[in-house]
């Protein structure tokens, strides 16, 4: 079967979403596209967490986790609150948490939990 080009329709395709909104959505998806940031967000959906606890849970350096949290905070995905010497992070927006849950559900259904294929596709 060949991919034939269809005849142009008289009505031009368009959408009603502002360019700035498209850019903001792309920025959100870029933030969620990194496995490390996604894993960090998965932990934050449980409760507020300080950087040290995240570093232990992720088995990573505190500096690595701090950098990741700065990225997520700059994209508006997490909030922080200082309590004494510690800074605690939490989800900034329930919409983002819901979007993340939908994405995880989607790939689980589509791939049948085939984590090896997903990792290979990501690494390619």
PDB file of N, CA and C in Angstrom:
ATOM      1  N   UNK A   1       0.851  -1.176   0.000  1.00  0.00           N
ATOM      2  CA  UNK A   1       0.000   0.000   0.000  1.00  0.00           C
ATOM      3  C   UNK A   1       0.893   1.234   0.000  1.00  0.00           C
ATOM      4  N   UNK A   2       0.657   2.141  -0.899  1.00  0.00           N
ATOM      5  CA  UNK A   2       1.456   3.362  -0.964  1.00  0.00           C
ATOM      6  C   UNK A   2       0.725   4.503  -0.261  1.00  0.00           C
ATOM      7  N   UNK A   3       1.501   5.448   0.196  1.00  0.00           N
ATOM      8  CA  UNK A   3       0.939   6.637   0.848  1.00  0.00           C
ATOM      9  C   UNK A   3       0.688   7.692  -0.221  1.00  0.00           C
ATOM     10  N   UNK A   4      -0.521   7.677  -0.740  1.00  0.00           N
ATOM     11  CA  UNK A   4      -0.861   8.661  -1.749  1.00  0.00           C
ATOM     12  C   UNK A   4      -1.255   9.965  -1.079  1.00  0.00           C
ATOM     13  N   UNK A   5      -0.880  11.045  -1.715  1.00  0.00           N
ATOM     14  CA  UNK A   5      -1.248  12.350  -1.197  1.00  0.00           C
ATOM     15  C   UNK A   5      -2.691  12.623  -1.585  1.00  0.00           C
ATOM     16  N   UNK A   6      -3.468  12.989  -0.592  1.00  0.00           N
ATOM     17  CA  UNK A   6      -4.875  13.251  -0.880  1.00  0.00           C
ATOM     18  C   UNK A   6      -5.028  14.627  -1.533  1.00  0.00           C
ATOM     19  N   UNK A   7      -6.147  14.802  -2.186  1.00  0.00           N
ATOM     20  CA  UNK A   7      -6.437  16.087  -2.823  1.00  0.00           C
ATOM     21  C   UNK A   7      -6.683  17.126  -1.733  1.00  0.00           C
ATOM     22  N   UNK A   8      -6.115  18.320  -1.893  1.00  0.00           N
ATOM     23  CA  UNK A   8      -6.309  19.362  -0.886  1.00  0.00           C
ATOM     24  C   UNK A   8      -7.786  19.698  -0.703  1.00  0.00           C
ATOM     25  N   UNK A   9      -8.181  19.826   0.524  1.00  0.00           N
ATOM     26  CA  UNK A   9      -9.535  20.227   0.849  1.00  0.00           C
ATOM     27  C   UNK A   9      -9.633  21.738   0.681  1.00  0.00           C
ATOM     28  N   UNK A  10     -10.787  22.198   0.300  1.00  0.00           N
ATOM     29  CA  UNK A  10     -10.965  23.637   0.101  1.00  0.00           C
ATOM     30  C   UNK A  10     -10.873  24.397   1.417  1.00  0.00           C
ATOM     31  N   UNK A  11     -11.246  23.743   2.509  1.00  0.00           N
ATOM     32  CA  UNK A  11     -11.214  24.399   3.808  1.00  0.00           C
ATOM     33  C   UNK A  11      -9.851  24.171   4.459  1.00  0.00           C
ATOM     34  N   UNK A  12      -9.154  25.251   4.747  1.00  0.00           N
ATOM     35  CA  UNK A  12      -7.833  25.163   5.354  1.00  0.00           C
ATOM     36  C   UNK A  12      -7.948  24.703   6.807  1.00  0.00           C
ATOM     37  N   UNK A  13      -7.060  23.792   7.191  1.00  0.00           N
ATOM     38  CA  UNK A  13      -7.026  23.336   8.578  1.00  0.00           C
ATOM     39  C   UNK A  13      -6.486  24.438   9.481  1.00  0.00           C
ATOM     40  N   UNK A  14      -7.075  24.564  10.647  1.00  0.00           N
ATOM     41  CA  UNK A  14      -6.577  25.539  11.624  1.00  0.00           C
ATOM     42  C   UNK A  14      -7.019  25.110  13.014  1.00  0.00           C
ATOM     43  N   UNK A  15      -6.454  25.739  14.018  1.00  0.00           N
ATOM     44  CA  UNK A  15      -6.880  25.500  15.397  1.00  0.00           C
ATOM     45  C   UNK A  15      -7.030  26.854  16.079  1.00  0.00           C
ATOM     46  N   UNK A  16      -7.637  26.849  17.237  1.00  0.00           N
ATOM     47  CA  UNK A  16      -7.920  28.114  17.909  1.00  0.00           C
ATOM     48  C   UNK A  16      -7.075  28.323  19.173  1.00  0.00           C
ATOM     49  N   UNK A  17      -5.919  27.661  19.235  1.00  0.00           N
ATOM     50  CA  UNK A  17      -5.057  27.785  20.403  1.00  0.00           C
ATOM     51  C   UNK A  17      -3.950  28.798  20.100  1.00  0.00           C
ATOM     52  N   UNK A  18      -3.784  29.741  21.004  1.00  0.00           N
ATOM     53  CA  UNK A  18      -2.769  30.782  20.820  1.00  0.00           C
ATOM     54  C   UNK A  18      -1.374  30.174  20.801  1.00  0.00           C
ATOM     55  N   UNK A  19      -0.484  30.780  20.046  1.00  0.00           N
ATOM     56  CA  UNK A  19       0.890  30.288  19.936  1.00  0.00           C
ATOM     57  C   UNK A  19       1.562  30.238  21.304  1.00  0.00           C
ATOM     58  N   UNK A  20       1.284  31.189  22.161  1.00  0.00           N
ATOM     59  CA  UNK A  20       1.894  31.195  23.494  1.00  0.00           C
ATOM     60  C   UNK A  20       1.417  30.004  24.332  1.00  0.00           C
ATOM     61  N   UNK A  21       0.172  29.597  24.129  1.00  0.00           N
ATOM     62  CA  UNK A  21      -0.366  28.439  24.842  1.00  0.00           C
ATOM     63  C   UNK A  21       0.262  27.154  24.315  1.00  0.00           C
ATOM     64  N   UNK A  22       0.451  27.066  23.019  1.00  0.00           N
ATOM     65  CA  UNK A  22       1.115  25.900  22.419  1.00  0.00           C
ATOM     66  C   UNK A  22       2.535  25.792  22.957  1.00  0.00           C
ATOM     67  N   UNK A  23       3.240  26.925  23.034  1.00  0.00           N
ATOM     68  CA  UNK A  23       4.605  26.931  23.551  1.00  0.00           C
ATOM     69  C   UNK A  23       4.637  26.491  25.013  1.00  0.00           C
ATOM     70  N   UNK A  24       3.706  26.988  25.823  1.00  0.00           N
ATOM     71  CA  UNK A  24       3.646  26.630  27.245  1.00  0.00           C
ATOM     72  C   UNK A  24       3.371  25.133  27.413  1.00  0.00           C
ATOM     73  N   UNK A  25       2.496  24.576  26.592  1.00  0.00           N
ATOM     74  CA  UNK A  25       2.204  23.143  26.663  1.00  0.00           C
ATOM     75  C   UNK A  25       3.428  22.327  26.259  1.00  0.00           C
ATOM     76  N   UNK A  26       4.137  22.782  25.233  1.00  0.00           N
ATOM     77  CA  UNK A  26       5.354  22.083  24.806  1.00  0.00           C
ATOM     78  C   UNK A  26       6.409  22.118  25.912  1.00  0.00           C
ATOM     79  N   UNK A  27       6.495  23.228  26.618  1.00  0.00           N
ATOM     80  CA  UNK A  27       7.423  23.342  27.742  1.00  0.00           C
ATOM     81  C   UNK A  27       7.055  22.358  28.842  1.00  0.00           C
ATOM     82  N   UNK A  28       5.775  22.223  29.110  1.00  0.00           N
ATOM     83  CA  UNK A  28       5.306  21.260  30.102  1.00  0.00           C
ATOM     84  C   UNK A  28       5.685  19.835  29.698  1.00  0.00           C
ATOM     85  N   UNK A  29       5.428  19.482  28.461  1.00  0.00           N
ATOM     86  CA  UNK A  29       5.762  18.132  27.992  1.00  0.00           C
ATOM     87  C   UNK A  29       7.274  17.904  28.003  1.00  0.00           C
ATOM     88  N   UNK A  30       8.051  18.948  27.712  1.00  0.00           N
ATOM     89  CA  UNK A  30       9.507  18.817  27.771  1.00  0.00           C
ATOM     90  C   UNK A  30       9.942  18.499  29.198  1.00  0.00           C
ATOM     91  N   UNK A  31       9.332  19.158  30.167  1.00  0.00           N
ATOM     92  CA  UNK A  31       9.672  18.918  31.571  1.00  0.00           C
ATOM     93  C   UNK A  31       9.328  17.490  31.984  1.00  0.00           C
ATOM     94  N   UNK A  32       8.233  16.963  31.480  1.00  0.00           N
ATOM     95  CA  UNK A  32       7.806  15.607  31.815  1.00  0.00           C
ATOM     96  C   UNK A  32       8.542  14.547  31.009  1.00  0.00           C
ATOM     97  N   UNK A  33       9.281  14.957  29.977  1.00  0.00           N
ATOM     98  CA  UNK A  33       9.917  14.004  29.068  1.00  0.00           C
ATOM     99  C   UNK A  33      11.170  13.359  29.635  1.00  0.00           C
ATOM    100  N   UNK A  34      11.721  13.901  30.690  1.00  0.00           N
ATOM    101  CA  UNK A  34      12.939  13.359  31.272  1.00  0.00           C
ATOM    102  C   UNK A  34      12.598  12.329  32.345  1.00  0.00           C
ATOM    103  N   UNK A  35      13.121  11.103  32.245  1.00  0.00           N
ATOM    104  CA  UNK A  35      12.791  10.075  33.240  1.00  0.00           C
ATOM    105  C   UNK A  35      13.138  10.476  34.673  1.00  0.00           C
ATOM    106  N   UNK A  36      14.239  11.171  34.870  1.00  0.00           N
ATOM    107  CA  UNK A  36      14.614  11.600  36.210  1.00  0.00           C
ATOM    108  C   UNK A  36      13.632  12.587  36.800  1.00  0.00           C
ATOM    109  N   UNK A  37      13.192  13.544  35.990  1.00  0.00           N
ATOM    110  CA  UNK A  37      12.195  14.517  36.471  1.00  0.00           C
ATOM    111  C   UNK A  37      10.867  13.819  36.737  1.00  0.00           C
ATOM    112  N   UNK A  38      10.510  12.883  35.872  1.00  0.00           N
ATOM    113  CA  UNK A  38       9.251  12.156  36.060  1.00  0.00           C
ATOM    114  C   UNK A  38       9.296  11.320  37.342  1.00  0.00           C
ATOM    115  N   UNK A  39      10.418  10.655  37.586  1.00  0.00           N
ATOM    116  CA  UNK A  39      10.544   9.877  38.822  1.00  0.00           C
ATOM    117  C   UNK A  39      10.457  10.782  40.057  1.00  0.00           C
ATOM    118  N   UNK A  40      11.051  11.952  39.970  1.00  0.00           N
ATOM    119  CA  UNK A  40      10.974  12.905  41.071  1.00  0.00           C
ATOM    120  C   UNK A  40       9.530  13.302  41.323  1.00  0.00           C
ATOM    121  N   UNK A  41       8.795  13.584  40.264  1.00  0.00           N
ATOM    122  CA  UNK A  41       7.383  13.956  40.401  1.00  0.00           C
ATOM    123  C   UNK A  41       6.555  12.795  40.946  1.00  0.00           C
ATOM    124  N   UNK A  42       6.905  11.576  40.563  1.00  0.00           N
ATOM    125  CA  UNK A  42       6.183  10.417  41.092  1.00  0.00           C
ATOM    126  C   UNK A  42       6.320  10.332  42.608  1.00  0.00           C
ATOM    127  N   UNK A  43       7.489  10.668  43.113  1.00  0.00           N
ATOM    128  CA  UNK A  43       7.680  10.668  44.567  1.00  0.00           C
ATOM    129  C   UNK A  43       6.927  11.818  45.230  1.00  0.00           C
ATOM    130  N   UNK A  44       6.910  12.963  44.567  1.00  0.00           N
ATOM    131  CA  UNK A  44       6.241  14.135  45.148  1.00  0.00           C
ATOM    132  C   UNK A  44       4.725  13.997  45.181  1.00  0.00           C
ATOM    133  N   UNK A  45       4.177  13.102  44.407  1.00  0.00           N
ATOM    134  CA  UNK A  45       2.722  12.937  44.447  1.00  0.00           C
ATOM    135  C   UNK A  45       2.279  12.299  45.759  1.00  0.00           C
ATOM    136  N   UNK A  46       3.222  11.683  46.474  1.00  0.00           N
ATOM    137  CA  UNK A  46       2.890  11.042  47.742  1.00  0.00           C
ATOM    138  C   UNK A  46       2.748  12.052  48.880  1.00  0.00           C
ATOM    139  N   UNK A  47       3.687  13.018  48.930  1.00  0.00           N
ATOM    140  CA  UNK A  47       3.662  14.019  50.004  1.00  0.00           C
ATOM    141  C   UNK A  47       4.756  15.048  49.757  1.00  0.00           C
ATOM    142  N   UNK A  48       4.781  16.083  50.574  1.00  0.00           N
ATOM    143  CA  UNK A  48       5.886  17.029  50.534  1.00  0.00           C
ATOM    144  C   UNK A  48       7.160  16.309  50.962  1.00  0.00           C
ATOM    145  N   UNK A  49       8.263  16.618  50.285  1.00  0.00           N
ATOM    146  CA  UNK A  49       9.512  15.918  50.553  1.00  0.00           C
ATOM    147  C   UNK A  49      10.669  16.912  50.498  1.00  0.00           C
ATOM    148  N   UNK A  50      11.650  16.727  51.386  1.00  0.00           N
ATOM    149  CA  UNK A  50      12.848  17.559  51.320  1.00  0.00           C
ATOM    150  C   UNK A  50      13.850  16.930  50.352  1.00  0.00           C
ATOM    151  N   UNK A  51      14.811  17.737  49.922  1.00  0.00           N
ATOM    152  CA  UNK A  51      15.770  17.306  48.909  1.00  0.00           C
ATOM    153  C   UNK A  51      16.534  16.065  49.358  1.00  0.00           C
ATOM    154  N   UNK A  52      16.948  16.020  50.616  1.00  0.00           N
ATOM    155  CA  UNK A  52      17.706  14.880  51.115  1.00  0.00           C
ATOM    156  C   UNK A  52      16.939  13.577  51.012  1.00  0.00           C
ATOM    157  N   UNK A  53      15.652  13.614  51.362  1.00  0.00           N
ATOM    158  CA  UNK A  53      14.825  12.401  51.264  1.00  0.00           C
ATOM    159  C   UNK A  53      14.655  11.972  49.811  1.00  0.00           C
ATOM    160  N   UNK A  54      14.500  12.946  48.910  1.00  0.00           N
ATOM    161  CA  UNK A  54      14.400  12.611  47.486  1.00  0.00           C
ATOM    162  C   UNK A  54      15.690  11.984  46.984  1.00  0.00           C
ATOM    163  N   UNK A  55      16.823  12.537  47.396  1.00  0.00           N
ATOM    164  CA  UNK A  55      18.121  12.009  46.957  1.00  0.00           C
ATOM    165  C   UNK A  55      18.288  10.564  47.404  1.00  0.00           C
ATOM    166  N   UNK A  56      17.890  10.254  48.626  1.00  0.00           N
ATOM    167  CA  UNK A  56      17.987   8.878  49.125  1.00  0.00           C
ATOM    168  C   UNK A  56      17.052   7.969  48.330  1.00  0.00           C
ATOM    169  N   UNK A  57      15.817   8.411  48.136  1.00  0.00           N
ATOM    170  CA  UNK A  57      14.834   7.590  47.418  1.00  0.00           C
ATOM    171  C   UNK A  57      15.247   7.327  45.972  1.00  0.00           C
ATOM    172  N   UNK A  58      15.878   8.318  45.353  1.00  0.00           N
ATOM    173  CA  UNK A  58      16.287   8.193  43.950  1.00  0.00           C
ATOM    174  C   UNK A  58      17.699   7.622  43.798  1.00  0.00           C
ATOM    175  N   UNK A  59      18.399   7.461  44.929  1.00  0.00           N
ATOM    176  CA  UNK A  59      19.779   6.991  44.926  1.00  0.00           C
ATOM    177  C   UNK A  59      20.652   7.885  44.050  1.00  0.00           C
ATOM    178  N   UNK A  60      20.538   9.188  44.282  1.00  0.00           N
ATOM    179  CA  UNK A  60      21.286  10.183  43.522  1.00  0.00           C
ATOM    180  C   UNK A  60      21.889  11.207  44.469  1.00  0.00           C
ATOM    181  N   UNK A  61      22.827  11.997  43.954  1.00  0.00           N
ATOM    182  CA  UNK A  61      23.435  13.060  44.740  1.00  0.00           C
ATOM    183  C   UNK A  61      22.414  14.164  45.006  1.00  0.00           C
ATOM    184  N   UNK A  62      22.561  14.814  46.138  1.00  0.00           N
ATOM    185  CA  UNK A  62      21.686  15.926  46.485  1.00  0.00           C
ATOM    186  C   UNK A  62      21.780  17.016  45.421  1.00  0.00           C
ATOM    187  N   UNK A  63      22.983  17.262  44.898  1.00  0.00           N
ATOM    188  CA  UNK A  63      23.156  18.308  43.884  1.00  0.00           C
ATOM    189  C   UNK A  63      22.376  17.984  42.606  1.00  0.00           C
ATOM    190  N   UNK A  64      22.340  16.719  42.233  1.00  0.00           N
ATOM    191  CA  UNK A  64      21.586  16.298  41.040  1.00  0.00           C
ATOM    192  C   UNK A  64      20.093  16.526  41.242  1.00  0.00           C
ATOM    193  N   UNK A  65      19.597  16.125  42.405  1.00  0.00           N
ATOM    194  CA  UNK A  65      18.175  16.280  42.706  1.00  0.00           C
ATOM    195  C   UNK A  65      17.824  17.760  42.815  1.00  0.00           C
ATOM    196  N   UNK A  66      18.698  18.553  43.420  1.00  0.00           N
ATOM    197  CA  UNK A  66      18.451  19.996  43.550  1.00  0.00           C
ATOM    198  C   UNK A  66      18.347  20.667  42.185  1.00  0.00           C
ATOM    199  N   UNK A  67      19.241  20.283  41.274  1.00  0.00           N
ATOM    200  CA  UNK A  67      19.199  20.840  39.924  1.00  0.00           C
ATOM    201  C   UNK A  67      17.884  20.476  39.226  1.00  0.00           C
ATOM    202  N   UNK A  68      17.479  19.234  39.377  1.00  0.00           N
ATOM    203  CA  UNK A  68      16.229  18.767  38.780  1.00  0.00           C
ATOM    204  C   UNK A  68      15.038  19.543  39.360  1.00  0.00           C
ATOM    205  N   UNK A  69      15.041  19.750  40.653  1.00  0.00           N
ATOM    206  CA  UNK A  69      13.950  20.486  41.301  1.00  0.00           C
ATOM    207  C   UNK A  69      13.926  21.946  40.851  1.00  0.00           C
ATOM    208  N   UNK A  70      15.099  22.541  40.623  1.00  0.00           N
ATOM    209  CA  UNK A  70      15.134  23.919  40.096  1.00  0.00           C
ATOM    210  C   UNK A  70      14.448  23.980  38.736  1.00  0.00           C
ATOM    211  N   UNK A  71      14.731  22.973  37.899  1.00  0.00           N
ATOM    212  CA  UNK A  71      14.115  22.912  36.567  1.00  0.00           C
ATOM    213  C   UNK A  71      12.595  22.810  36.711  1.00  0.00           C
ATOM    214  N   UNK A  72      12.141  21.885  37.532  1.00  0.00           N
ATOM    215  CA  UNK A  72      10.702  21.671  37.718  1.00  0.00           C
ATOM    216  C   UNK A  72      10.033  22.904  38.320  1.00  0.00           C
ATOM    217  N   UNK A  73      10.736  23.565  39.212  1.00  0.00           N
ATOM    218  CA  UNK A  73      10.181  24.777  39.826  1.00  0.00           C
ATOM    219  C   UNK A  73      10.106  25.917  38.807  1.00  0.00           C
ATOM    220  N   UNK A  74      11.132  26.056  37.978  1.00  0.00           N
ATOM    221  CA  UNK A  74      11.126  27.125  36.973  1.00  0.00           C
ATOM    222  C   UNK A  74      10.020  26.914  35.943  1.00  0.00           C
ATOM    223  N   UNK A  75       9.638  25.655  35.726  1.00  0.00           N
ATOM    224  CA  UNK A  75       8.529  25.358  34.812  1.00  0.00           C
ATOM    225  C   UNK A  75       7.178  25.376  35.517  1.00  0.00           C
ATOM    226  N   UNK A  76       7.181  25.697  36.806  1.00  0.00           N
ATOM    227  CA  UNK A  76       5.933  25.825  37.553  1.00  0.00           C
ATOM    228  C   UNK A  76       5.295  24.509  37.948  1.00  0.00           C
ATOM    229  N   UNK A  77       6.065  23.427  37.962  1.00  0.00           N
ATOM    230  CA  UNK A  77       5.503  22.118  38.271  1.00  0.00           C
ATOM    231  C   UNK A  77       5.576  21.779  39.757  1.00  0.00           C
ATOM    232  N   UNK A  78       6.524  22.375  40.464  1.00  0.00           N
ATOM    233  CA  UNK A  78       6.634  22.150  41.901  1.00  0.00           C
ATOM    234  C   UNK A  78       6.744  23.485  42.630  1.00  0.00           C
ATOM    235  N   UNK A  79       6.297  23.479  43.861  1.00  0.00           N
ATOM    236  CA  UNK A  79       6.448  24.608  44.779  1.00  0.00           C
ATOM    237  C   UNK A  79       7.379  24.180  45.887  1.00  0.00           C
ATOM    238  N   UNK A  80       7.939  25.161  46.573  1.00  0.00           N
ATOM    239  CA  UNK A  80       8.792  24.831  47.706  1.00  0.00           C
ATOM    240  C   UNK A  80       8.433  25.699  48.900  1.00  0.00           C
ATOM    241  N   UNK A  81       8.764  25.187  50.071  1.00  0.00           N
ATOM    242  CA  UNK A  81       8.509  25.920  51.306  1.00  0.00           C
ATOM    243  C   UNK A  81       9.652  25.629  52.264  1.00  0.00           C
ATOM    244  N   UNK A  82      10.246  26.687  52.785  1.00  0.00           N
ATOM    245  CA  UNK A  82      11.344  26.531  53.735  1.00  0.00           C
ATOM    246  C   UNK A  82      10.766  26.371  55.135  1.00  0.00           C
ATOM    247  N   UNK A  83      11.287  25.367  55.845  1.00  0.00           N
ATOM    248  CA  UNK A  83      10.939  25.135  57.249  1.00  0.00           C
ATOM    249  C   UNK A  83      12.231  24.937  58.010  1.00  0.00           C
ATOM    250  N   UNK A  84      12.656  25.973  58.701  1.00  0.00           N
ATOM    251  CA  UNK A  84      13.934  25.905  59.399  1.00  0.00           C
ATOM    252  C   UNK A  84      15.067  25.793  58.404  1.00  0.00           C
ATOM    253  N   UNK A  85      15.881  24.764  58.553  1.00  0.00           N
ATOM    254  CA  UNK A  85      17.030  24.564  57.666  1.00  0.00           C
ATOM    255  C   UNK A  85      16.680  23.789  56.402  1.00  0.00           C
ATOM    256  N   UNK A  86      15.478  23.259  56.340  1.00  0.00           N
ATOM    257  CA  UNK A  86      15.102  22.380  55.226  1.00  0.00           C
ATOM    258  C   UNK A  86      14.106  23.053  54.291  1.00  0.00           C
ATOM    259  N   UNK A  87      14.189  22.669  53.018  1.00  0.00           N
ATOM    260  CA  UNK A  87      13.245  23.129  52.006  1.00  0.00           C
ATOM    261  C   UNK A  87      12.441  21.914  51.561  1.00  0.00           C
ATOM    262  N   UNK A  88      11.115  22.047  51.589  1.00  0.00           N
ATOM    263  CA  UNK A  88      10.222  20.957  51.200  1.00  0.00           C
ATOM    264  C   UNK A  88       9.570  21.284  49.863  1.00  0.00           C
ATOM    265  N   UNK A  89       9.461  20.278  49.021  1.00  0.00           N
ATOM    266  CA  UNK A  89       8.878  20.427  47.688  1.00  0.00           C
ATOM    267  C   UNK A  89       7.577  19.651  47.592  1.00  0.00           C
ATOM    268  N   UNK A  90       6.676  20.164  46.762  1.00  0.00           N
ATOM    269  CA  UNK A  90       5.384  19.513  46.527  1.00  0.00           C
ATOM    270  C   UNK A  90       4.910  19.888  45.125  1.00  0.00           C
ATOM    271  N   UNK A  91       3.922  19.125  44.643  1.00  0.00           N
ATOM    272  CA  UNK A  91       3.306  19.457  43.351  1.00  0.00           C
ATOM    273  C   UNK A  91       2.709  20.857  43.418  1.00  0.00           C
ATOM    274  N   UNK A  92       2.885  21.612  42.368  1.00  0.00           N
ATOM    275  CA  UNK A  92       2.330  22.958  42.315  1.00  0.00           C
ATOM    276  C   UNK A  92       0.928  22.970  41.746  1.00  0.00           C
ATOM    277  N   UNK A  93       0.579  21.933  40.989  1.00  0.00           N
ATOM    278  CA  UNK A  93      -0.660  21.983  40.233  1.00  0.00           C
ATOM    279  C   UNK A  93      -1.255  20.585  40.086  1.00  0.00           C
ATOM    280  N   UNK A  94      -2.502  20.429  40.487  1.00  0.00           N
ATOM    281  CA  UNK A  94      -3.178  19.130  40.369  1.00  0.00           C
ATOM    282  C   UNK A  94      -3.373  18.728  38.906  1.00  0.00           C
ATOM    283  N   UNK A  95      -3.451  19.705  38.003  1.00  0.00           N
ATOM    284  CA  UNK A  95      -3.611  19.387  36.578  1.00  0.00           C
ATOM    285  C   UNK A  95      -2.405  18.615  36.051  1.00  0.00           C
ATOM    286  N   UNK A  96      -1.225  19.032  36.462  1.00  0.00           N
ATOM    287  CA  UNK A  96      -0.008  18.368  36.003  1.00  0.00           C
ATOM    288  C   UNK A  96       0.053  16.950  36.551  1.00  0.00           C
ATOM    289  N   UNK A  97      -0.336  16.784  37.799  1.00  0.00           N
ATOM    290  CA  UNK A  97      -0.360  15.447  38.388  1.00  0.00           C
ATOM    291  C   UNK A  97      -1.332  14.545  37.629  1.00  0.00           C
ATOM    292  N   UNK A  98      -2.490  15.079  37.276  1.00  0.00           N
ATOM    293  CA  UNK A  98      -3.481  14.303  36.520  1.00  0.00           C
ATOM    294  C   UNK A  98      -2.947  13.955  35.127  1.00  0.00           C
ATOM    295  N   UNK A  99      -2.295  14.906  34.484  1.00  0.00           N
ATOM    296  CA  UNK A  99      -1.721  14.658  33.157  1.00  0.00           C
ATOM    297  C   UNK A  99      -0.668  13.556  33.223  1.00  0.00           C
ATOM    298  N   UNK A 100       0.155  13.608  34.254  1.00  0.00           N
ATOM    299  CA  UNK A 100       1.182  12.589  34.445  1.00  0.00           C
ATOM    300  C   UNK A 100       0.544  11.215  34.644  1.00  0.00           C
ATOM    301  N   UNK A 101      -0.503  11.153  35.438  1.00  0.00           N
ATOM    302  CA  UNK A 101      -1.200   9.884  35.682  1.00  0.00           C
ATOM    303  C   UNK A 101      -1.801   9.331  34.385  1.00  0.00           C
ATOM    304  N   UNK A 102      -2.391  10.198  33.594  1.00  0.00           N
ATOM    305  CA  UNK A 102      -2.982   9.776  32.312  1.00  0.00           C
ATOM    306  C   UNK A 102      -1.896   9.245  31.382  1.00  0.00           C
ATOM    307  N   UNK A 103      -0.754   9.925  31.336  1.00  0.00           N
ATOM    308  CA  UNK A 103       0.344   9.478  30.479  1.00  0.00           C
ATOM    309  C   UNK A 103       0.853   8.112  30.906  1.00  0.00           C
ATOM    310  N   UNK A 104       1.006   7.913  32.204  1.00  0.00           N
ATOM    311  CA  UNK A 104       1.479   6.620  32.709  1.00  0.00           C
ATOM    312  C   UNK A 104       0.472   5.510  32.416  1.00  0.00           C
ATOM    313  N   UNK A 105      -0.792   5.817  32.586  1.00  0.00           N
ATOM    314  CA  UNK A 105      -1.835   4.840  32.278  1.00  0.00           C
ATOM    315  C   UNK A 105      -1.828   4.499  30.796  1.00  0.00           C
ATOM    316  N   UNK A 106      -1.674   5.513  29.961  1.00  0.00           N
ATOM    317  CA  UNK A 106      -1.661   5.311  28.508  1.00  0.00           C
ATOM    318  C   UNK A 106      -0.523   4.388  28.086  1.00  0.00           C
ATOM    319  N   UNK A 107       0.693   4.671  28.547  1.00  0.00           N
ATOM    320  CA  UNK A 107       1.815   3.840  28.113  1.00  0.00           C
ATOM    321  C   UNK A 107       1.740   2.439  28.711  1.00  0.00           C
ATOM    322  N   UNK A 108       1.147   2.298  29.875  1.00  0.00           N
ATOM    323  CA  UNK A 108       0.977   0.968  30.461  1.00  0.00           C
ATOM    324  C   UNK A 108       0.029   0.130  29.618  1.00  0.00           C
ATOM    325  N   UNK A 109      -1.041   0.734  29.140  1.00  0.00           N
ATOM    326  CA  UNK A 109      -1.999   0.010  28.293  1.00  0.00           C
ATOM    327  C   UNK A 109      -1.413  -0.274  26.919  1.00  0.00           C
ATOM    328  N   UNK A 110      -0.752   0.715  26.334  1.00  0.00           N
ATOM    329  CA  UNK A 110      -0.228   0.588  24.973  1.00  0.00           C
ATOM    330  C   UNK A 110       0.913  -0.416  24.885  1.00  0.00           C
ATOM    331  N   UNK A 111       1.794  -0.379  25.848  1.00  0.00           N
ATOM    332  CA  UNK A 111       2.978  -1.224  25.790  1.00  0.00           C
ATOM    333  C   UNK A 111       2.841  -2.489  26.606  1.00  0.00           C
ATOM    334  N   UNK A 112       1.755  -2.613  27.328  1.00  0.00           N
ATOM    335  CA  UNK A 112       1.588  -3.805  28.148  1.00  0.00           C
ATOM    336  C   UNK A 112       2.696  -3.955  29.171  1.00  0.00           C
ATOM    337  N   UNK A 113       3.119  -2.817  29.736  1.00  0.00           N
ATOM    338  CA  UNK A 113       4.168  -2.807  30.755  1.00  0.00           C
ATOM    339  C   UNK A 113       5.508  -3.303  30.224  1.00  0.00           C
ATOM    340  N   UNK A 114       5.777  -3.121  28.951  1.00  0.00           N
ATOM    341  CA  UNK A 114       7.033  -3.562  28.364  1.00  0.00           C
ATOM    342  C   UNK A 114       8.098  -2.490  28.608  1.00  0.00           C
ATOM    343  N   UNK A 115       8.691  -2.521  29.805  1.00  0.00           N
ATOM    344  CA  UNK A 115       9.654  -1.509  30.198  1.00  0.00           C
ATOM    345  C   UNK A 115      10.937  -1.574  29.375  1.00  0.00           C
ATOM    346  N   UNK A 116      11.339  -2.753  28.936  1.00  0.00           N
ATOM    347  CA  UNK A 116      12.562  -2.891  28.160  1.00  0.00           C
ATOM    348  C   UNK A 116      12.401  -2.176  26.821  1.00  0.00           C
ATOM    349  N   UNK A 117      11.285  -2.372  26.154  1.00  0.00           N
ATOM    350  CA  UNK A 117      11.053  -1.706  24.867  1.00  0.00           C
ATOM    351  C   UNK A 117      10.977  -0.193  25.054  1.00  0.00           C
ATOM    352  N   UNK A 118      10.363   0.248  26.129  1.00  0.00           N
ATOM    353  CA  UNK A 118      10.264   1.685  26.391  1.00  0.00           C
ATOM    354  C   UNK A 118      11.635   2.280  26.620  1.00  0.00           C
ATOM    355  N   UNK A 119      12.482   1.605  27.394  1.00  0.00           N
ATOM    356  CA  UNK A 119      13.842   2.098  27.644  1.00  0.00           C
ATOM    357  C   UNK A 119      14.663   2.126  26.363  1.00  0.00           C
ATOM    358  N   UNK A 120      14.540   1.089  25.544  1.00  0.00           N
ATOM    359  CA  UNK A 120      15.278   1.046  24.281  1.00  0.00           C
ATOM    360  C   UNK A 120      14.823   2.163  23.356  1.00  0.00           C
ATOM    361  N   UNK A 121      13.535   2.438  23.320  1.00  0.00           N
ATOM    362  CA  UNK A 121      13.028   3.515  22.481  1.00  0.00           C
ATOM    363  C   UNK A 121      13.532   4.861  22.978  1.00  0.00           C
ATOM    364  N   UNK A 122      13.604   5.037  24.280  1.00  0.00           N
ATOM    365  CA  UNK A 122      14.081   6.300  24.851  1.00  0.00           C
ATOM    366  C   UNK A 122      15.568   6.503  24.554  1.00  0.00           C
ATOM    367  N   UNK A 123      16.336   5.419  24.656  1.00  0.00           N
ATOM    368  CA  UNK A 123      17.777   5.500  24.435  1.00  0.00           C
ATOM    369  C   UNK A 123      18.149   5.710  22.972  1.00  0.00           C
ATOM    370  N   UNK A 124      17.238   5.353  22.061  1.00  0.00           N
ATOM    371  CA  UNK A 124      17.534   5.433  20.617  1.00  0.00           C
ATOM    372  C   UNK A 124      17.623   6.865  20.121  1.00  0.00           C
TER     373      UNK A 124
END
